[in-house]
Amino acid sequence: MSTRIQVLKKRSTIALLLTLLIAAAQLSFNLSSASASYNLALTRYVWASSGANPSNAVDGGQSTFWQPNFGAAGWITVDLGSVQSVNQIVLKTPTYGHFVEAVTIQTSNSTDDSSFATQSTSTQAFYSANYYTVTINLPSTVSTRYVRVNVAPVSTATMIGELEIYGP
C-alpha cells in the first residue's frame, strides 16, 4: 500500500513540474513577442558634449542629472546597444525645477558620432503640474541604435534628470 502511495506522489510531482515548465515556456514566449514598453535607455552607455556624469541621465533616478556647461547648449547621446524601434522620448528634470526649453531629437545608426537625422524639434516646459516630465512622440517609428537629445542654452541651468527611450 505504501508503495502505491509513493508512486502516486511521484506522478503528482512530475505532473506539477511539467505544468510549471509549460507555463514558464509560454510566459517566456509571450515576453519575447511583447512590445518595447520598457525604457530602452536604462543603464545604457551614454556620452555628452559637455558637463559631468552623463550616466546620471539613464540611471533610473530623476533626482540625479546630467547638465551641459552652465547656460550652454549641449547634447547627450545614448547607445541602445543594437538597432531598436523607437517612437517616444521622455525627458524628466529634477523636481526642484530646472528648465529644458528647445529640444531636438536625433537618431543614427552610424558609429562616427556625426551622422544624425533630426526626428523632432520642439519647445518644452517642465513644471510641477506635469511632474517635471515631458513626453515627445516621434512622427513615426525609427529604427536606430543611437539617440541624441540636443538642448538649447537657457538663462538658467539645463538639467536632464532622466532620459527615457521607448519603442512601439
C-alpha atoms as a PDB file:
ATOM      1  CA  MET A   1       0.000   0.000   0.000  1.00  0.00           C
ATOM      2  CA  SER A   2       2.759   2.469   0.855  1.00  0.00           C
ATOM      3  CA  THR A   3       4.457   1.685  -2.479  1.00  0.00           C
ATOM      4  CA  ARG A   4       1.300   2.664  -4.318  1.00  0.00           C
ATOM      5  CA  ILE A   5       1.107   5.969  -2.390  1.00  0.00           C
ATOM      6  CA  GLN A   6       4.740   6.685  -3.223  1.00  0.00           C
ATOM      7  CA  VAL A   7       4.092   6.079  -6.931  1.00  0.00           C
ATOM      8  CA  LEU A   8       1.081   8.393  -6.861  1.00  0.00           C
ATOM      9  CA  LYS A   9       3.135  11.105  -5.109  1.00  0.00           C
ATOM     10  CA  LYS A  10       5.895  10.802  -7.712  1.00  0.00           C
ATOM     11  CA  ARG A  11       3.392  11.014 -10.580  1.00  0.00           C
ATOM     12  CA  SER A  12       1.717  14.037  -8.973  1.00  0.00           C
ATOM     13  CA  THR A  13       5.067  15.737  -8.516  1.00  0.00           C
ATOM     14  CA  ILE A  14       6.068  15.043 -12.129  1.00  0.00           C
ATOM     15  CA  ALA A  15       2.702  16.333 -13.396  1.00  0.00           C
ATOM     16  CA  LEU A  16       3.070  19.503 -11.324  1.00  0.00           C
ATOM     17  CA  LEU A  17       6.628  20.092 -12.570  1.00  0.00           C
ATOM     18  CA  LEU A  18       5.555  19.575 -16.188  1.00  0.00           C
ATOM     19  CA  THR A  19       2.677  22.005 -15.742  1.00  0.00           C
ATOM     20  CA  LEU A  20       5.034  24.626 -14.284  1.00  0.00           C
ATOM     21  CA  LEU A  21       7.541  24.056 -17.085  1.00  0.00           C
ATOM     22  CA  ILE A  22       4.871  24.509 -19.758  1.00  0.00           C
ATOM     23  CA  ALA A  23       3.565  27.658 -18.040  1.00  0.00           C
ATOM     24  CA  ALA A  24       7.092  29.093 -17.844  1.00  0.00           C
ATOM     25  CA  ALA A  25       7.709  28.345 -21.536  1.00  0.00           C
ATOM     26  CA  GLN A  26       4.511  30.152 -22.508  1.00  0.00           C
ATOM     27  CA  LEU A  27       5.403  33.117 -20.303  1.00  0.00           C
ATOM     28  CA  SER A  28       8.858  33.497 -21.847  1.00  0.00           C
ATOM     29  CA  PHE A  29       7.363  33.229 -25.338  1.00  0.00           C
ATOM     30  CA  ASN A  30       4.858  35.974 -24.614  1.00  0.00           C
ATOM     31  CA  LEU A  31       7.519  38.228 -23.117  1.00  0.00           C
ATOM     32  CA  SER A  32       9.787  37.905 -26.145  1.00  0.00           C
ATOM     33  CA  SER A  33       6.993  38.858 -28.521  1.00  0.00           C
ATOM     34  CA  ALA A  34       5.863  41.834 -26.416  1.00  0.00           C
ATOM     35  CA  SER A  35       6.458  45.415 -27.494  1.00  0.00           C
ATOM     36  CA  ALA A  36       9.210  47.558 -26.032  1.00  0.00           C
ATOM     37  CA  SER A  37       7.131  49.116 -23.282  1.00  0.00           C
ATOM     38  CA  TYR A  38      10.221  49.370 -21.090  1.00  0.00           C
ATOM     39  CA  ASN A  39      12.868  52.076 -21.005  1.00  0.00           C
ATOM     40  CA  LEU A  40      15.412  51.149 -23.701  1.00  0.00           C
ATOM     41  CA  ALA A  41      17.910  53.720 -22.363  1.00  0.00           C
ATOM     42  CA  LEU A  42      18.035  52.493 -18.769  1.00  0.00           C
ATOM     43  CA  THR A  43      21.694  51.948 -17.740  1.00  0.00           C
ATOM     44  CA  ARG A  44      22.919  52.092 -21.366  1.00  0.00           C
ATOM     45  CA  TYR A  45      26.231  53.644 -22.384  1.00  0.00           C
ATOM     46  CA  VAL A  46      25.864  57.421 -22.748  1.00  0.00           C
ATOM     47  CA  TRP A  47      28.127  60.385 -23.544  1.00  0.00           C
ATOM     48  CA  ALA A  48      27.654  64.126 -23.797  1.00  0.00           C
ATOM     49  CA  SER A  49      29.065  67.269 -25.390  1.00  0.00           C
ATOM     50  CA  SER A  50      29.988  68.774 -22.033  1.00  0.00           C
ATOM     51  CA  GLY A  51      29.178  68.614 -18.349  1.00  0.00           C
ATOM     52  CA  ALA A  52      29.744  65.865 -15.835  1.00  0.00           C
ATOM     53  CA  ASN A  53      28.118  62.482 -15.218  1.00  0.00           C
ATOM     54  CA  PRO A  54      26.013  61.879 -18.352  1.00  0.00           C
ATOM     55  CA  SER A  55      25.278  58.383 -16.992  1.00  0.00           C
ATOM     56  CA  ASN A  56      23.065  60.060 -14.370  1.00  0.00           C
ATOM     57  CA  ALA A  57      20.506  60.668 -17.139  1.00  0.00           C
ATOM     58  CA  VAL A  58      19.964  56.926 -17.636  1.00  0.00           C
ATOM     59  CA  ASP A  59      20.325  55.621 -14.070  1.00  0.00           C
ATOM     60  CA  GLY A  60      16.600  55.405 -13.312  1.00  0.00           C
ATOM     61  CA  GLY A  61      16.636  58.261 -10.793  1.00  0.00           C
ATOM     62  CA  GLN A  62      15.082  61.630 -11.572  1.00  0.00           C
ATOM     63  CA  SER A  63      16.977  63.400  -8.776  1.00  0.00           C
ATOM     64  CA  THR A  64      20.407  62.662 -10.300  1.00  0.00           C
ATOM     65  CA  PHE A  65      21.042  64.560 -13.523  1.00  0.00           C
ATOM     66  CA  TRP A  66      23.256  65.478 -16.439  1.00  0.00           C
ATOM     67  CA  GLN A  67      23.764  69.120 -17.273  1.00  0.00           C
ATOM     68  CA  PRO A  68      25.807  70.738 -20.040  1.00  0.00           C
ATOM     69  CA  ASN A  69      28.130  73.545 -19.051  1.00  0.00           C
ATOM     70  CA  PHE A  70      26.036  76.191 -17.269  1.00  0.00           C
ATOM     71  CA  GLY A  71      23.937  78.262 -19.687  1.00  0.00           C
ATOM     72  CA  ALA A  72      25.360  76.481 -22.749  1.00  0.00           C
ATOM     73  CA  ALA A  73      23.798  74.389 -25.487  1.00  0.00           C
ATOM     74  CA  GLY A  74      24.638  70.720 -25.341  1.00  0.00           C
ATOM     75  CA  TRP A  75      23.726  67.209 -26.347  1.00  0.00           C
ATOM     76  CA  ILE A  76      23.574  63.801 -24.763  1.00  0.00           C
ATOM     77  CA  THR A  77      23.731  60.555 -26.774  1.00  0.00           C
ATOM     78  CA  VAL A  78      22.531  57.085 -25.733  1.00  0.00           C
ATOM     79  CA  ASP A  79      23.845  53.891 -27.332  1.00  0.00           C
ATOM     80  CA  LEU A  80      20.961  51.396 -27.268  1.00  0.00           C
ATOM     81  CA  GLY A  81      23.434  48.542 -27.860  1.00  0.00           C
ATOM     82  CA  SER A  82      21.779  47.403 -31.092  1.00  0.00           C
ATOM     83  CA  VAL A  83      19.260  48.760 -33.583  1.00  0.00           C
ATOM     84  CA  GLN A  84      15.892  49.213 -31.845  1.00  0.00           C
ATOM     85  CA  SER A  85      12.483  50.547 -32.884  1.00  0.00           C
ATOM     86  CA  VAL A  86      11.958  53.908 -31.177  1.00  0.00           C
ATOM     87  CA  ASN A  87       8.901  56.168 -31.216  1.00  0.00           C
ATOM     88  CA  GLN A  88       8.916  58.058 -27.913  1.00  0.00           C
ATOM     89  CA  ILE A  89      11.343  60.038 -25.763  1.00  0.00           C
ATOM     90  CA  VAL A  90      10.554  61.013 -22.177  1.00  0.00           C
ATOM     91  CA  LEU A  91      12.588  63.771 -20.529  1.00  0.00           C
ATOM     92  CA  LYS A  92      12.470  64.456 -16.807  1.00  0.00           C
ATOM     93  CA  THR A  93      14.125  67.236 -14.870  1.00  0.00           C
ATOM     94  CA  PRO A  94      14.885  67.135 -11.159  1.00  0.00           C
ATOM     95  CA  THR A  95      11.753  68.038  -9.214  1.00  0.00           C
ATOM     96  CA  TYR A  96      13.247  71.213  -7.801  1.00  0.00           C
ATOM     97  CA  GLY A  97      12.607  72.771 -11.202  1.00  0.00           C
ATOM     98  CA  HIS A  98      15.192  73.432 -13.863  1.00  0.00           C
ATOM     99  CA  PHE A  99      14.214  74.004 -17.438  1.00  0.00           C
ATOM    100  CA  VAL A 100      14.876  72.334 -20.734  1.00  0.00           C
ATOM    101  CA  GLU A 101      13.394  74.549 -23.411  1.00  0.00           C
ATOM    102  CA  ALA A 102      14.247  73.907 -27.067  1.00  0.00           C
ATOM    103  CA  VAL A 103      14.808  70.190 -27.646  1.00  0.00           C
ATOM    104  CA  THR A 104      15.892  68.406 -30.823  1.00  0.00           C
ATOM    105  CA  ILE A 105      15.747  64.605 -31.031  1.00  0.00           C
ATOM    106  CA  GLN A 106      18.175  62.988 -33.471  1.00  0.00           C
ATOM    107  CA  THR A 107      18.882  59.360 -34.366  1.00  0.00           C
ATOM    108  CA  SER A 108      21.703  57.474 -36.073  1.00  0.00           C
ATOM    109  CA  ASN A 109      22.969  54.011 -36.888  1.00  0.00           C
ATOM    110  CA  SER A 110      26.440  55.325 -37.740  1.00  0.00           C
ATOM    111  CA  THR A 111      29.354  54.872 -35.353  1.00  0.00           C
ATOM    112  CA  ASP A 112      31.090  58.113 -36.464  1.00  0.00           C
ATOM    113  CA  ASP A 113      29.176  60.245 -33.913  1.00  0.00           C
ATOM    114  CA  SER A 114      28.387  62.874 -36.549  1.00  0.00           C
ATOM    115  CA  SER A 115      25.735  61.497 -38.940  1.00  0.00           C
ATOM    116  CA  PHE A 116      22.434  62.143 -37.158  1.00  0.00           C
ATOM    117  CA  ALA A 117      18.966  62.658 -38.650  1.00  0.00           C
ATOM    118  CA  THR A 118      16.580  65.070 -36.926  1.00  0.00           C
ATOM    119  CA  GLN A 119      13.328  63.386 -35.878  1.00  0.00           C
ATOM    120  CA  SER A 120      11.684  66.091 -33.779  1.00  0.00           C
ATOM    121  CA  THR A 121      12.229  69.700 -32.699  1.00  0.00           C
ATOM    122  CA  SER A 122      10.066  71.252 -30.016  1.00  0.00           C
ATOM    123  CA  THR A 123       9.925  73.702 -27.152  1.00  0.00           C
ATOM    124  CA  GLN A 124       9.120  72.140 -23.812  1.00  0.00           C
ATOM    125  CA  ALA A 125       8.134  73.427 -20.398  1.00  0.00           C
ATOM    126  CA  PHE A 126       8.794  71.483 -17.221  1.00  0.00           C
ATOM    127  CA  TYR A 127       6.813  72.356 -14.112  1.00  0.00           C
ATOM    128  CA  SER A 128       5.077  70.724 -11.161  1.00  0.00           C
ATOM    129  CA  ALA A 129       1.752  70.177 -12.975  1.00  0.00           C
ATOM    130  CA  ASN A 130       3.433  67.751 -15.395  1.00  0.00           C
ATOM    131  CA  TYR A 131       5.697  66.284 -12.689  1.00  0.00           C
ATOM    132  CA  TYR A 132       8.687  67.870 -14.423  1.00  0.00           C
ATOM    133  CA  THR A 133       8.220  65.336 -17.222  1.00  0.00           C
ATOM    134  CA  VAL A 134       7.688  65.826 -20.949  1.00  0.00           C
ATOM    135  CA  THR A 135       6.836  63.082 -23.442  1.00  0.00           C
ATOM    136  CA  ILE A 136       7.937  63.603 -27.041  1.00  0.00           C
ATOM    137  CA  ASN A 137       6.250  61.311 -29.567  1.00  0.00           C
ATOM    138  CA  LEU A 138       8.240  60.978 -32.774  1.00  0.00           C
ATOM    139  CA  PRO A 139       6.314  61.479 -36.032  1.00  0.00           C
ATOM    140  CA  SER A 140       6.975  57.834 -36.927  1.00  0.00           C
ATOM    141  CA  THR A 141       8.798  54.811 -35.540  1.00  0.00           C
ATOM    142  CA  VAL A 142      12.538  54.922 -36.248  1.00  0.00           C
ATOM    143  CA  SER A 143      14.982  52.007 -36.319  1.00  0.00           C
ATOM    144  CA  THR A 144      18.086  53.330 -34.621  1.00  0.00           C
ATOM    145  CA  ARG A 145      20.994  52.440 -32.385  1.00  0.00           C
ATOM    146  CA  TYR A 146      21.914  55.941 -31.184  1.00  0.00           C
ATOM    147  CA  VAL A 147      19.530  58.594 -29.856  1.00  0.00           C
ATOM    148  CA  ARG A 148      20.782  62.141 -29.276  1.00  0.00           C
ATOM    149  CA  VAL A 149      18.941  64.869 -27.400  1.00  0.00           C
ATOM    150  CA  ASN A 150      20.131  68.402 -28.184  1.00  0.00           C
ATOM    151  CA  VAL A 151      19.233  71.160 -25.744  1.00  0.00           C
ATOM    152  CA  ALA A 152      19.442  74.874 -26.461  1.00  0.00           C
ATOM    153  CA  PRO A 153      21.069  77.236 -23.984  1.00  0.00           C
ATOM    154  CA  VAL A 154      18.748  78.777 -21.422  1.00  0.00           C
ATOM    155  CA  SER A 155      19.287  81.553 -18.899  1.00  0.00           C
ATOM    156  CA  THR A 156      19.039  79.017 -16.073  1.00  0.00           C
ATOM    157  CA  ALA A 157      20.747  75.659 -15.757  1.00  0.00           C
ATOM    158  CA  THR A 158      19.528  72.986 -18.127  1.00  0.00           C
ATOM    159  CA  MET A 159      19.290  69.628 -16.384  1.00  0.00           C
ATOM    160  CA  ILE A 160      18.093  66.261 -17.635  1.00  0.00           C
ATOM    161  CA  GLY A 161      17.268  64.121 -14.631  1.00  0.00           C
ATOM    162  CA  GLU A 162      16.184  61.159 -16.702  1.00  0.00           C
ATOM    163  CA  LEU A 163      16.233  60.395 -20.429  1.00  0.00           C
ATOM    164  CA  GLU A 164      13.907  57.520 -21.273  1.00  0.00           C
ATOM    165  CA  ILE A 165      13.508  55.943 -24.716  1.00  0.00           C
ATOM    166  CA  TYR A 166      10.580  53.707 -25.697  1.00  0.00           C
ATOM    167  CA  GLY A 167       9.522  51.682 -28.714  1.00  0.00           C
ATOM    168  CA  PRO A 168       6.116  50.706 -30.052  1.00  0.00           C
END
